[in-house]
Amino acid sequence: MGNFGLTEIILILLVVVLLFGGRKIPEMMKGLGQGMKEFKKASMADDEPEKMHAEDKTETKE
């Protein structure tokens, strides 16, 4: 059931173009890209305190 062929993908793309129009799709993709970039930046920022905390632990053991 999860296997999409070329025909199904073309049909889905055609429906998307009909629903949103040709001009709206690039704007939506731009917004999606910006959202992914912000999410990646935020997730990397969340990892930094953990790395710093781990480094602090190793320094105190010495």
N, C-alpha and C. Protein backbone atom coordinates (compact mmCIF):
# COMPACT_ATOMS: atom_id res chain seq x y z
N MET A 1 0.82 -1.19 0.00
CA MET A 1 0.00 0.00 0.00
C MET A 1 0.87 1.26 0.00
N GLY A 2 2.07 1.22 0.51
CA GLY A 2 2.92 2.40 0.61
C GLY A 2 3.79 2.64 -0.61
N ASN A 3 3.65 1.84 -1.65
CA ASN A 3 4.47 2.01 -2.84
C ASN A 3 3.80 2.95 -3.83
N PHE A 4 4.44 4.10 -4.06
CA PHE A 4 3.91 5.05 -5.02
C PHE A 4 4.67 4.93 -6.32
N GLY A 5 3.96 4.79 -7.40
CA GLY A 5 4.57 4.74 -8.71
C GLY A 5 4.61 6.13 -9.32
N LEU A 6 5.15 6.20 -10.51
CA LEU A 6 5.27 7.48 -11.22
C LEU A 6 3.89 8.08 -11.50
N THR A 7 2.93 7.24 -11.84
CA THR A 7 1.58 7.72 -12.14
C THR A 7 0.94 8.37 -10.92
N GLU A 8 1.09 7.76 -9.76
CA GLU A 8 0.50 8.31 -8.54
C GLU A 8 1.14 9.63 -8.15
N ILE A 9 2.46 9.72 -8.30
CA ILE A 9 3.17 10.96 -7.96
C ILE A 9 2.74 12.09 -8.88
N ILE A 10 2.62 11.81 -10.17
CA ILE A 10 2.17 12.83 -11.13
C ILE A 10 0.75 13.27 -10.80
N LEU A 11 -0.11 12.33 -10.45
CA LEU A 11 -1.49 12.66 -10.09
C LEU A 11 -1.55 13.54 -8.85
N ILE A 12 -0.74 13.23 -7.85
CA ILE A 12 -0.70 14.04 -6.62
C ILE A 12 -0.20 15.45 -6.93
N LEU A 13 0.86 15.57 -7.73
CA LEU A 13 1.37 16.88 -8.11
C LEU A 13 0.34 17.69 -8.89
N LEU A 14 -0.40 17.04 -9.77
CA LEU A 14 -1.44 17.72 -10.53
C LEU A 14 -2.53 18.26 -9.62
N VAL A 15 -2.94 17.47 -8.63
CA VAL A 15 -3.96 17.91 -7.68
C VAL A 15 -3.44 19.09 -6.86
N VAL A 16 -2.18 19.06 -6.44
CA VAL A 16 -1.60 20.17 -5.68
C VAL A 16 -1.59 21.44 -6.51
N VAL A 17 -1.20 21.34 -7.78
CA VAL A 17 -1.18 22.51 -8.65
C VAL A 17 -2.59 23.05 -8.85
N LEU A 18 -3.55 22.18 -9.01
CA LEU A 18 -4.93 22.64 -9.18
C LEU A 18 -5.47 23.31 -7.92
N LEU A 19 -5.11 22.79 -6.75
CA LEU A 19 -5.62 23.36 -5.50
C LEU A 19 -4.97 24.70 -5.17
N PHE A 20 -3.67 24.79 -5.31
CA PHE A 20 -2.95 25.97 -4.84
C PHE A 20 -2.56 26.93 -5.96
N GLY A 21 -2.52 26.49 -7.17
CA GLY A 21 -2.12 27.36 -8.28
C GLY A 21 -0.61 27.38 -8.44
N GLY A 22 -0.17 27.70 -9.63
CA GLY A 22 1.25 27.69 -9.95
C GLY A 22 2.06 28.75 -9.23
N ARG A 23 1.45 29.87 -8.90
CA ARG A 23 2.19 30.96 -8.25
C ARG A 23 2.37 30.73 -6.76
N LYS A 24 1.45 30.05 -6.16
CA LYS A 24 1.48 29.87 -4.70
C LYS A 24 2.49 28.80 -4.27
N ILE A 25 2.76 27.83 -5.12
CA ILE A 25 3.63 26.71 -4.75
C ILE A 25 5.05 27.16 -4.41
N PRO A 26 5.71 28.02 -5.23
CA PRO A 26 7.06 28.47 -4.84
C PRO A 26 7.09 29.20 -3.49
N GLU A 27 6.05 29.97 -3.21
CA GLU A 27 5.98 30.66 -1.92
C GLU A 27 5.88 29.66 -0.77
N MET A 28 5.08 28.61 -0.98
CA MET A 28 4.93 27.59 0.05
C MET A 28 6.25 26.85 0.28
N MET A 29 6.96 26.54 -0.80
CA MET A 29 8.24 25.83 -0.68
C MET A 29 9.29 26.71 0.00
N LYS A 30 9.25 28.01 -0.28
CA LYS A 30 10.18 28.93 0.37
C LYS A 30 9.92 28.96 1.88
N GLY A 31 8.66 29.05 2.24
CA GLY A 31 8.30 29.04 3.66
C GLY A 31 8.67 27.74 4.33
N LEU A 32 8.49 26.63 3.63
CA LEU A 32 8.86 25.34 4.18
C LEU A 32 10.37 25.26 4.41
N GLY A 33 11.14 25.75 3.45
CA GLY A 33 12.60 25.75 3.58
C GLY A 33 13.07 26.61 4.73
N GLN A 34 12.46 27.77 4.89
CA GLN A 34 12.83 28.65 6.01
C GLN A 34 12.48 28.02 7.34
N GLY A 35 11.34 27.36 7.40
CA GLY A 35 10.94 26.68 8.63
C GLY A 35 11.89 25.56 8.99
N MET A 36 12.33 24.79 7.99
CA MET A 36 13.28 23.71 8.24
C MET A 36 14.62 24.27 8.70
N LYS A 37 15.03 25.41 8.12
CA LYS A 37 16.31 26.02 8.51
C LYS A 37 16.25 26.49 9.96
N GLU A 38 15.14 27.12 10.35
CA GLU A 38 14.98 27.59 11.73
C GLU A 38 14.93 26.41 12.71
N PHE A 39 14.26 25.34 12.32
CA PHE A 39 14.18 24.16 13.17
C PHE A 39 15.56 23.56 13.38
N LYS A 40 16.34 23.48 12.31
CA LYS A 40 17.69 22.92 12.40
C LYS A 40 18.57 23.79 13.30
N LYS A 41 18.44 25.12 13.14
CA LYS A 41 19.24 26.03 13.96
C LYS A 41 18.84 25.91 15.43
N ALA A 42 17.56 25.80 15.69
CA ALA A 42 17.09 25.69 17.07
C ALA A 42 17.51 24.36 17.69
N SER A 43 17.48 23.30 16.93
CA SER A 43 17.88 22.00 17.48
C SER A 43 19.38 21.97 17.73
N MET A 44 20.17 22.64 16.91
CA MET A 44 21.61 22.71 17.14
C MET A 44 21.90 23.57 18.37
N ALA A 45 21.13 24.62 18.57
CA ALA A 45 21.33 25.50 19.72
C ALA A 45 20.99 24.75 21.01
N ASP A 46 20.02 23.84 20.94
CA ASP A 46 19.66 23.04 22.11
C ASP A 46 20.76 22.05 22.46
N ASP A 47 21.49 21.57 21.47
CA ASP A 47 22.57 20.60 21.71
C ASP A 47 23.80 21.25 22.32
N GLU A 48 24.04 22.51 22.06
CA GLU A 48 25.24 23.18 22.54
C GLU A 48 25.36 23.20 24.07
N PRO A 49 24.31 23.51 24.82
CA PRO A 49 24.45 23.49 26.29
C PRO A 49 24.80 22.10 26.82
N GLU A 50 24.28 21.05 26.19
CA GLU A 50 24.61 19.70 26.63
C GLU A 50 26.09 19.42 26.42
N LYS A 51 26.63 19.85 25.29
CA LYS A 51 28.05 19.65 25.01
C LYS A 51 28.90 20.42 26.02
N MET A 52 28.51 21.65 26.30
CA MET A 52 29.26 22.46 27.25
C MET A 52 29.18 21.84 28.64
N HIS A 53 28.01 21.32 29.01
CA HIS A 53 27.84 20.70 30.31
C HIS A 53 28.70 19.45 30.42
N ALA A 54 28.78 18.68 29.35
CA ALA A 54 29.62 17.47 29.35
C ALA A 54 31.10 17.85 29.46
N GLU A 55 31.51 18.94 28.81
CA GLU A 55 32.89 19.39 28.90
C GLU A 55 33.22 19.85 30.31
N ASP A 56 32.27 20.50 30.96
CA ASP A 56 32.49 20.96 32.33
C ASP A 56 32.71 19.77 33.27
N LYS A 57 31.99 18.69 33.08
CA LYS A 57 32.13 17.52 33.92
C LYS A 57 33.50 16.89 33.74
N THR A 58 34.00 16.85 32.50
CA THR A 58 35.30 16.24 32.27
C THR A 58 36.41 17.11 32.85
N GLU A 59 36.23 18.42 32.85
CA GLU A 59 37.25 19.30 33.41
C GLU A 59 37.32 19.21 34.93
N THR A 60 36.20 18.98 35.58
CA THR A 60 36.19 18.93 37.04
C THR A 60 36.77 17.60 37.54
N LYS A 61 36.74 16.56 36.73
CA LYS A 61 37.29 15.28 37.15
C LYS A 61 38.80 15.28 37.17
N GLU A 62 39.43 16.14 36.40
CA GLU A 62 40.90 16.16 36.31
C GLU A 62 41.56 16.76 37.50
